[in-house]
Amino acid sequence: MAQLEVKNVSGQSVGTVELSDEVFGGEVNEHLLWEAVKWQLAKRRRGTHSTKTRGEVRATKKKAYKQKGTGRARHGSERAPVFVGGGVAFGPKPRSYDYPFPKKARKQALRSALSLRMQEGKLVVVDELAIAGGKTRVVATALANLGAPQPDASALVVDAKDNEDLVRGTRNLRASKWLAPEGLNVYDILNHETLIVSQASAKAIEQALTR
């Protein structure tokens, strides 16, 4: 079990917490991190791109000219892809870019991302993320005390969704983001410089990712 310093929102040390080596102190698998990020970005693609085929474009169906004797290639419709305004051959159509990614691999990728932040010293555990009034400036001050000054540093703040003041206070931060423990993912961890987690959320993540 690894011991990590616990801070308050003022940045002062208030104790220590023991975190599982399996979740926060494991080996960092860079290839698995890449696979997880690729899968997440593929899932979020809307896939609404669409082109018209020769059966969907608006043009006459009349044969442009006679079959033989013109010296030109044979054509039966001006909707063919070779004509300007004709349909598109093998063009994109709406589809889903999602593909299966094993649940075990997802969990291991998340462990790798957490272990990476732990090794870099960019994992900050806070005893309680109590933000009075839910003001953005109060959240920004707290993040600066915890080593992520706004708006220069980006931070991923993880705490329960019933902490409405924190959720409201982080909404207007340009570089930082709030997530509930159950929504923690590889892409957001890697996309932010610092990971700030409440002590209760750290234990919830540890329990969810322990085999």
Protein backbone atom coordinates (compact mmCIF):
# COMPACT_ATOMS: atom_id res chain seq x y z
CA MET A 1 0.00 0.00 0.00
CA ALA A 2 1.33 3.41 -1.00
CA GLN A 3 0.95 6.34 1.36
CA LEU A 4 -0.06 9.70 -0.07
CA GLU A 5 -0.35 13.05 1.63
CA VAL A 6 -3.87 14.38 2.17
CA LYS A 7 -4.43 18.12 1.82
CA ASN A 8 -7.29 20.50 2.47
CA VAL A 9 -8.61 23.12 0.04
CA SER A 10 -6.07 25.59 1.44
CA GLY A 11 -3.22 23.33 0.34
CA GLN A 12 -2.19 22.39 3.89
CA SER A 13 -1.31 18.81 4.82
CA VAL A 14 -3.89 17.25 7.13
CA GLY A 15 -2.75 13.63 7.15
CA THR A 16 -2.04 10.63 4.92
CA VAL A 17 -4.06 8.00 3.10
CA GLU A 18 -3.12 4.49 2.02
CA LEU A 19 -3.88 3.65 -1.60
CA SER A 20 -3.74 0.25 -3.26
CA ASP A 21 -0.62 -0.48 -5.31
CA GLU A 22 -2.78 -2.51 -7.67
CA VAL A 23 -4.77 0.58 -8.66
CA PHE A 24 -2.42 3.51 -8.09
CA GLY A 25 1.02 1.93 -8.12
CA GLY A 26 1.01 -0.54 -10.98
CA GLU A 27 2.97 -0.69 -14.21
CA VAL A 28 2.12 1.92 -16.83
CA ASN A 29 1.11 0.25 -20.10
CA GLU A 30 1.47 3.00 -22.71
CA HIS A 31 0.07 0.93 -25.55
CA LEU A 32 -3.06 0.15 -23.55
CA LEU A 33 -3.48 3.86 -22.78
CA TRP A 34 -3.30 4.56 -26.51
CA GLU A 35 -5.88 1.87 -27.25
CA ALA A 36 -8.25 3.27 -24.60
CA VAL A 37 -7.97 6.84 -25.89
CA LYS A 38 -8.49 5.69 -29.50
CA TRP A 39 -11.61 3.76 -28.45
CA GLN A 40 -13.04 6.73 -26.52
CA LEU A 41 -12.47 9.15 -29.40
CA ALA A 42 -14.04 6.68 -31.85
CA LYS A 43 -17.12 6.32 -29.63
CA ARG A 44 -17.71 10.06 -29.45
CA ARG A 45 -17.70 10.50 -33.26
CA ARG A 46 -21.19 11.39 -34.44
CA GLY A 47 -20.85 9.61 -37.76
CA THR A 48 -23.51 11.79 -39.42
CA HIS A 49 -21.53 12.44 -42.62
CA SER A 50 -23.45 11.54 -45.77
CA THR A 51 -23.13 11.82 -49.56
CA LYS A 52 -25.75 11.15 -52.21
CA THR A 53 -25.52 8.09 -54.42
CA ARG A 54 -26.62 8.11 -58.05
CA GLY A 55 -30.05 6.99 -56.90
CA GLU A 56 -30.45 10.02 -54.62
CA VAL A 57 -29.25 12.96 -56.75
CA ARG A 58 -31.73 15.05 -58.71
CA ALA A 59 -31.17 14.71 -62.47
CA THR A 60 -32.87 13.33 -65.50
CA LYS A 61 -32.89 9.61 -66.13
CA LYS A 62 -32.95 10.16 -69.86
CA LYS A 63 -30.06 8.71 -71.85
CA ALA A 64 -27.73 11.63 -72.69
CA TYR A 65 -26.96 10.50 -76.25
CA LYS A 66 -27.26 7.42 -78.39
CA GLN A 67 -25.36 4.27 -77.53
CA LYS A 68 -23.17 4.04 -80.64
CA GLY A 69 -21.66 6.24 -83.28
CA THR A 70 -20.66 9.28 -81.18
CA GLY A 71 -17.12 8.19 -80.34
CA ARG A 72 -17.85 8.80 -76.69
CA ALA A 73 -18.13 6.36 -73.83
CA ARG A 74 -21.47 4.65 -73.26
CA HIS A 75 -23.67 6.24 -70.60
CA GLY A 76 -27.21 5.58 -69.56
CA SER A 77 -27.79 8.38 -67.05
CA GLU A 78 -26.42 11.78 -66.08
CA ARG A 79 -26.63 10.64 -62.47
CA ALA A 80 -23.47 8.58 -62.94
CA PRO A 81 -20.50 9.57 -60.75
CA VAL A 82 -18.42 10.64 -63.77
CA PHE A 83 -20.76 13.57 -64.48
CA VAL A 84 -20.73 16.89 -62.62
CA GLY A 85 -23.69 16.85 -60.27
CA GLY A 86 -23.88 13.09 -60.38
CA GLY A 87 -23.89 10.72 -57.43
CA VAL A 88 -20.82 9.87 -55.36
CA ALA A 89 -19.40 6.39 -55.70
CA PHE A 90 -18.50 4.70 -52.40
CA GLY A 91 -19.02 7.92 -50.45
CA PRO A 92 -19.49 8.09 -46.68
CA LYS A 93 -22.84 7.27 -45.12
CA PRO A 94 -24.05 7.66 -41.52
CA ARG A 95 -22.58 4.96 -39.32
CA SER A 96 -21.29 4.27 -35.83
CA TYR A 97 -17.53 4.27 -35.23
CA ASP A 98 -17.87 2.38 -31.97
CA TYR A 99 -16.18 -1.00 -31.65
CA PRO A 100 -15.83 -3.53 -28.83
CA PHE A 101 -13.16 -2.87 -26.21
CA PRO A 102 -12.93 -5.49 -23.44
CA LYS A 103 -14.05 -4.40 -19.98
CA LYS A 104 -10.92 -5.88 -18.39
CA ALA A 105 -8.73 -3.86 -20.76
CA ARG A 106 -10.69 -0.69 -19.92
CA LYS A 107 -10.11 -1.23 -16.21
CA GLN A 108 -6.42 -1.96 -16.71
CA ALA A 109 -6.03 1.17 -18.84
CA LEU A 110 -7.63 3.23 -16.08
CA ARG A 111 -5.24 1.71 -13.53
CA SER A 112 -2.33 2.61 -15.82
CA ALA A 113 -3.51 6.22 -16.13
CA LEU A 114 -3.89 6.57 -12.35
CA SER A 115 -0.48 4.98 -11.78
CA LEU A 116 1.06 7.39 -14.29
CA ARG A 117 -0.28 10.44 -12.45
CA MET A 118 0.88 8.91 -9.15
CA GLN A 119 4.43 8.41 -10.49
CA GLU A 120 4.53 11.95 -11.85
CA GLY A 121 3.44 13.42 -8.51
CA LYS A 122 0.37 14.91 -10.22
CA LEU A 123 -2.18 13.06 -8.08
CA VAL A 124 -3.55 15.23 -5.26
CA VAL A 125 -5.87 13.79 -2.59
CA VAL A 126 -8.06 16.29 -0.72
CA ASP A 127 -9.84 15.51 2.53
CA GLU A 128 -13.02 17.31 1.45
CA LEU A 129 -13.76 19.50 -1.56
CA ALA A 130 -16.08 21.89 0.26
CA ILE A 131 -16.70 24.97 -1.88
CA ALA A 132 -18.94 27.46 -0.11
CA GLY A 133 -21.45 29.11 -2.41
CA GLY A 134 -20.28 27.35 -5.54
CA LYS A 135 -18.45 30.41 -6.87
CA THR A 136 -15.99 29.88 -9.72
CA ARG A 137 -13.40 32.19 -8.14
CA VAL A 138 -13.51 30.14 -4.92
CA VAL A 139 -12.91 26.93 -6.90
CA ALA A 140 -10.07 28.60 -8.83
CA THR A 141 -8.43 29.69 -5.56
CA ALA A 142 -8.71 26.16 -4.13
CA LEU A 143 -7.17 24.65 -7.27
CA ALA A 144 -4.32 27.16 -7.13
CA ASN A 145 -3.68 26.16 -3.49
CA LEU A 146 -3.54 22.53 -4.61
CA GLY A 147 -0.94 23.20 -7.32
CA ALA A 148 -3.16 23.90 -10.33
CA PRO A 149 -3.36 27.69 -10.75
CA GLN A 150 -6.09 28.85 -13.13
CA PRO A 151 -6.25 29.43 -16.05
CA ASP A 152 -2.68 28.30 -16.77
CA ALA A 153 -2.89 24.75 -15.38
CA SER A 154 -5.53 22.20 -16.28
CA ALA A 155 -6.95 20.03 -13.53
CA LEU A 156 -9.42 17.15 -13.44
CA VAL A 157 -11.43 17.39 -10.22
CA VAL A 158 -13.12 14.18 -9.07
CA ASP A 159 -15.81 14.18 -6.38
CA ALA A 160 -19.34 12.90 -5.85
CA LYS A 161 -22.08 14.47 -7.95
CA ASP A 162 -24.05 15.46 -4.85
CA ASN A 163 -21.37 18.13 -4.21
CA GLU A 164 -23.45 20.63 -6.18
CA ASP A 165 -21.35 23.66 -5.18
CA LEU A 166 -18.24 22.09 -6.68
CA VAL A 167 -20.09 21.04 -9.83
CA ARG A 168 -21.44 24.55 -10.32
CA GLY A 169 -18.14 26.24 -9.47
CA THR A 170 -16.06 24.25 -11.98
CA ARG A 171 -18.53 24.75 -14.84
CA ASN A 172 -17.01 28.05 -16.00
CA LEU A 173 -13.34 27.07 -15.70
CA ARG A 174 -11.72 27.06 -19.13
CA ALA A 175 -8.93 24.54 -18.55
CA SER A 176 -10.34 22.40 -15.73
CA LYS A 177 -13.19 19.95 -15.45
CA TRP A 178 -15.26 18.12 -12.83
CA LEU A 179 -16.10 14.43 -13.02
CA ALA A 180 -17.94 12.03 -10.74
CA PRO A 181 -15.88 8.95 -9.65
CA GLU A 182 -18.06 6.64 -11.73
CA GLY A 183 -17.37 8.75 -14.83
CA LEU A 184 -13.58 8.73 -14.50
CA ASN A 185 -11.92 7.77 -17.77
CA VAL A 186 -8.48 7.50 -19.38
CA TYR A 187 -8.90 10.32 -21.91
CA ASP A 188 -9.82 12.98 -19.32
CA ILE A 189 -7.02 11.90 -16.96
CA LEU A 190 -4.40 12.20 -19.72
CA ASN A 191 -5.96 15.40 -21.09
CA HIS A 192 -5.44 17.28 -17.79
CA GLU A 193 -2.11 17.96 -16.10
CA THR A 194 -3.24 17.39 -12.52
CA LEU A 195 -5.68 14.90 -11.03
CA ILE A 196 -7.38 16.21 -7.86
CA VAL A 197 -9.49 13.64 -6.02
CA SER A 198 -11.41 13.79 -2.78
CA GLN A 199 -10.45 11.14 -0.23
CA ALA A 200 -13.87 9.47 -0.41
CA SER A 201 -13.71 9.36 -4.22
CA ALA A 202 -10.21 7.87 -4.14
CA LYS A 203 -11.49 5.02 -2.02
CA ALA A 204 -14.51 4.56 -4.31
CA ILE A 205 -12.22 4.37 -7.37
CA GLU A 206 -9.93 1.94 -5.56
CA GLN A 207 -12.86 -0.33 -4.71
CA ALA A 208 -14.22 -0.25 -8.26
CA LEU A 209 -10.87 -1.10 -9.87
CA THR A 210 -9.70 -3.76 -7.43
CA ARG A 211 -9.93 -7.21 -9.00
